[in-house]
N, C-alpha and C. Protein backbone atom coordinates (compact mmCIF):
# COMPACT_ATOMS: atom_id res chain seq x y z
N MET A 1 -65.76 88.41 39.35
CA MET A 1 -64.61 89.27 39.20
C MET A 1 -63.44 88.44 38.67
N MET A 2 -62.95 88.78 37.51
CA MET A 2 -61.82 88.07 36.92
C MET A 2 -60.54 88.73 37.39
N LEU A 3 -59.68 87.94 38.02
CA LEU A 3 -58.42 88.45 38.50
C LEU A 3 -57.39 88.46 37.38
N GLN A 4 -56.49 89.41 37.41
CA GLN A 4 -55.42 89.48 36.42
C GLN A 4 -54.37 88.44 36.81
N ASN A 5 -54.19 87.41 35.97
CA ASN A 5 -53.26 86.36 36.33
C ASN A 5 -52.11 86.18 35.34
N ARG A 6 -51.98 87.08 34.38
CA ARG A 6 -50.87 87.02 33.44
C ARG A 6 -50.20 88.38 33.33
N CYS A 7 -48.89 88.34 33.19
CA CYS A 7 -48.11 89.56 32.98
C CYS A 7 -48.47 90.14 31.62
N LYS A 8 -48.78 91.41 31.58
CA LYS A 8 -49.15 92.05 30.31
C LYS A 8 -48.00 92.08 29.32
N ASP A 9 -46.78 92.16 29.81
CA ASP A 9 -45.61 92.24 28.92
C ASP A 9 -45.16 90.88 28.39
N THR A 10 -45.09 89.88 29.28
CA THR A 10 -44.51 88.59 28.89
C THR A 10 -45.53 87.47 28.72
N GLY A 11 -46.71 87.64 29.29
CA GLY A 11 -47.71 86.58 29.25
C GLY A 11 -47.50 85.51 30.30
N ALA A 12 -46.46 85.66 31.12
CA ALA A 12 -46.20 84.68 32.17
C ALA A 12 -47.32 84.68 33.20
N VAL A 13 -47.61 83.52 33.75
CA VAL A 13 -48.63 83.42 34.79
C VAL A 13 -48.05 84.00 36.08
N LEU A 14 -48.74 84.98 36.63
CA LEU A 14 -48.29 85.66 37.84
C LEU A 14 -48.65 84.86 39.08
N SER A 15 -47.90 85.07 40.13
CA SER A 15 -48.20 84.46 41.42
C SER A 15 -49.33 85.24 42.08
N PRO A 16 -50.24 84.53 42.76
CA PRO A 16 -51.30 85.22 43.49
C PRO A 16 -50.84 85.73 44.85
N CYS A 17 -49.57 85.56 45.18
CA CYS A 17 -49.04 85.97 46.48
C CYS A 17 -49.31 87.45 46.74
N THR A 18 -49.79 87.74 47.95
CA THR A 18 -50.06 89.12 48.35
C THR A 18 -49.11 89.58 49.44
N LYS A 19 -48.12 88.75 49.75
CA LYS A 19 -47.13 89.04 50.80
C LYS A 19 -47.74 89.07 52.20
N VAL A 20 -48.89 88.41 52.35
CA VAL A 20 -49.53 88.21 53.65
C VAL A 20 -49.52 86.70 53.87
N CYS A 21 -48.40 86.19 54.32
CA CYS A 21 -48.18 84.74 54.37
C CYS A 21 -48.47 84.18 55.76
N LYS A 22 -49.70 83.73 55.93
CA LYS A 22 -50.10 83.13 57.20
C LYS A 22 -51.12 82.04 56.88
N ILE A 23 -50.85 80.83 57.33
CA ILE A 23 -51.74 79.71 57.06
C ILE A 23 -52.80 79.62 58.15
N SER A 24 -54.05 79.55 57.73
CA SER A 24 -55.16 79.40 58.68
C SER A 24 -55.18 77.97 59.22
N PRO A 25 -55.17 77.80 60.53
CA PRO A 25 -55.27 76.45 61.09
C PRO A 25 -56.61 75.78 60.75
N ALA A 26 -57.63 76.57 60.58
CA ALA A 26 -58.97 76.02 60.32
C ALA A 26 -59.12 75.49 58.90
N THR A 27 -58.52 76.19 57.94
CA THR A 27 -58.71 75.81 56.53
C THR A 27 -57.45 75.28 55.85
N SER A 28 -56.30 75.47 56.46
CA SER A 28 -55.00 75.12 55.87
C SER A 28 -54.72 75.91 54.59
N LEU A 29 -55.35 77.07 54.47
CA LEU A 29 -55.12 77.96 53.32
C LEU A 29 -54.41 79.21 53.78
N CYS A 30 -53.61 79.79 52.89
CA CYS A 30 -52.95 81.05 53.18
C CYS A 30 -54.01 82.15 53.27
N LEU A 31 -53.94 82.95 54.32
CA LEU A 31 -54.91 84.03 54.49
C LEU A 31 -54.71 85.15 53.47
N GLY A 32 -53.52 85.24 52.89
CA GLY A 32 -53.23 86.27 51.89
C GLY A 32 -53.71 85.90 50.50
N CYS A 33 -53.28 84.73 50.02
CA CYS A 33 -53.56 84.36 48.63
C CYS A 33 -54.58 83.24 48.47
N GLY A 34 -54.84 82.50 49.53
CA GLY A 34 -55.83 81.43 49.46
C GLY A 34 -55.30 80.10 48.98
N ARG A 35 -53.98 80.00 48.76
CA ARG A 35 -53.41 78.74 48.29
C ARG A 35 -53.09 77.81 49.45
N THR A 36 -52.99 76.52 49.13
CA THR A 36 -52.55 75.52 50.10
C THR A 36 -51.02 75.57 50.18
N LEU A 37 -50.47 74.96 51.22
CA LEU A 37 -49.01 74.88 51.33
C LEU A 37 -48.41 74.14 50.15
N ASP A 38 -49.06 73.08 49.69
CA ASP A 38 -48.57 72.34 48.53
C ASP A 38 -48.54 73.22 47.28
N GLU A 39 -49.59 74.02 47.08
CA GLU A 39 -49.62 74.91 45.92
C GLU A 39 -48.53 75.97 46.00
N ILE A 40 -48.31 76.50 47.19
CA ILE A 40 -47.27 77.51 47.38
C ILE A 40 -45.90 76.90 47.10
N ALA A 41 -45.64 75.72 47.65
CA ALA A 41 -44.34 75.06 47.49
C ALA A 41 -44.07 74.69 46.03
N ALA A 42 -45.09 74.32 45.29
CA ALA A 42 -44.92 73.87 43.91
C ALA A 42 -44.84 75.01 42.90
N TRP A 43 -45.25 76.21 43.29
CA TRP A 43 -45.46 77.30 42.34
C TRP A 43 -44.25 77.60 41.46
N SER A 44 -43.08 77.70 42.02
CA SER A 44 -41.91 78.15 41.25
C SER A 44 -41.50 77.17 40.16
N ARG A 45 -41.86 75.91 40.29
CA ARG A 45 -41.50 74.93 39.26
C ARG A 45 -42.71 74.34 38.54
N ALA A 46 -43.87 74.91 38.81
CA ALA A 46 -45.11 74.40 38.21
C ALA A 46 -45.27 74.87 36.76
N THR A 47 -46.02 74.09 36.01
CA THR A 47 -46.34 74.46 34.63
C THR A 47 -47.39 75.57 34.62
N ASP A 48 -47.49 76.27 33.51
CA ASP A 48 -48.54 77.28 33.37
C ASP A 48 -49.92 76.66 33.53
N GLU A 49 -50.11 75.44 33.01
CA GLU A 49 -51.39 74.76 33.13
C GLU A 49 -51.77 74.58 34.60
N TYR A 50 -50.83 74.13 35.42
CA TYR A 50 -51.07 73.96 36.85
C TYR A 50 -51.40 75.31 37.50
N LYS A 51 -50.60 76.32 37.19
CA LYS A 51 -50.81 77.64 37.78
C LYS A 51 -52.19 78.19 37.43
N LEU A 52 -52.61 78.00 36.19
CA LEU A 52 -53.93 78.49 35.78
C LEU A 52 -55.05 77.72 36.46
N ARG A 53 -54.84 76.43 36.74
CA ARG A 53 -55.84 75.67 37.51
C ARG A 53 -55.94 76.21 38.93
N VAL A 54 -54.80 76.57 39.53
CA VAL A 54 -54.82 77.16 40.87
C VAL A 54 -55.58 78.49 40.81
N TRP A 55 -55.26 79.32 39.82
CA TRP A 55 -55.97 80.60 39.67
C TRP A 55 -57.47 80.39 39.52
N ALA A 56 -57.87 79.38 38.74
CA ALA A 56 -59.30 79.11 38.53
C ALA A 56 -59.96 78.74 39.85
N ARG A 57 -59.28 77.94 40.69
CA ARG A 57 -59.84 77.58 41.99
C ARG A 57 -59.95 78.81 42.88
N LEU A 58 -58.93 79.66 42.86
CA LEU A 58 -58.95 80.88 43.67
C LEU A 58 -60.08 81.82 43.23
N GLU A 59 -60.25 81.96 41.93
CA GLU A 59 -61.32 82.82 41.41
C GLU A 59 -62.69 82.27 41.77
N SER A 60 -62.83 80.95 41.70
CA SER A 60 -64.10 80.33 42.07
C SER A 60 -64.40 80.53 43.54
N ALA A 61 -63.38 80.35 44.38
CA ALA A 61 -63.56 80.56 45.82
C ALA A 61 -63.90 82.01 46.12
N ASN A 62 -63.25 82.94 45.43
CA ASN A 62 -63.51 84.36 45.63
C ASN A 62 -64.94 84.70 45.20
N LYS A 63 -65.36 84.14 44.10
CA LYS A 63 -66.73 84.38 43.62
C LYS A 63 -67.75 83.87 44.62
N ALA A 64 -67.49 82.69 45.19
CA ALA A 64 -68.41 82.12 46.18
C ALA A 64 -68.50 83.01 47.41
N LEU A 65 -67.38 83.59 47.84
CA LEU A 65 -67.38 84.50 48.99
C LEU A 65 -68.18 85.75 48.71
N VAL A 66 -68.03 86.29 47.51
CA VAL A 66 -68.72 87.53 47.13
C VAL A 66 -70.23 87.28 47.04
N GLU A 67 -70.62 86.12 46.53
CA GLU A 67 -72.03 85.81 46.36
C GLU A 67 -72.72 85.51 47.69
N ASN A 68 -71.98 85.09 48.68
CA ASN A 68 -72.57 84.74 49.98
C ASN A 68 -72.45 85.86 50.89
């Protein structure tokens, strides 16, 4: 499943935030978006290249969950 990660109007890389902001003590990942605290903190000043790498990791993790 390919997630929509760019704004259709501007092409800007969208945030994966789902407004469910809770970090899992077991995985250190946000239960809403799946990002690490470092990824969340860096997002607003990160390059598009960095953001797309985060999206790729999230999509890969999501695919692994769906397949298992």
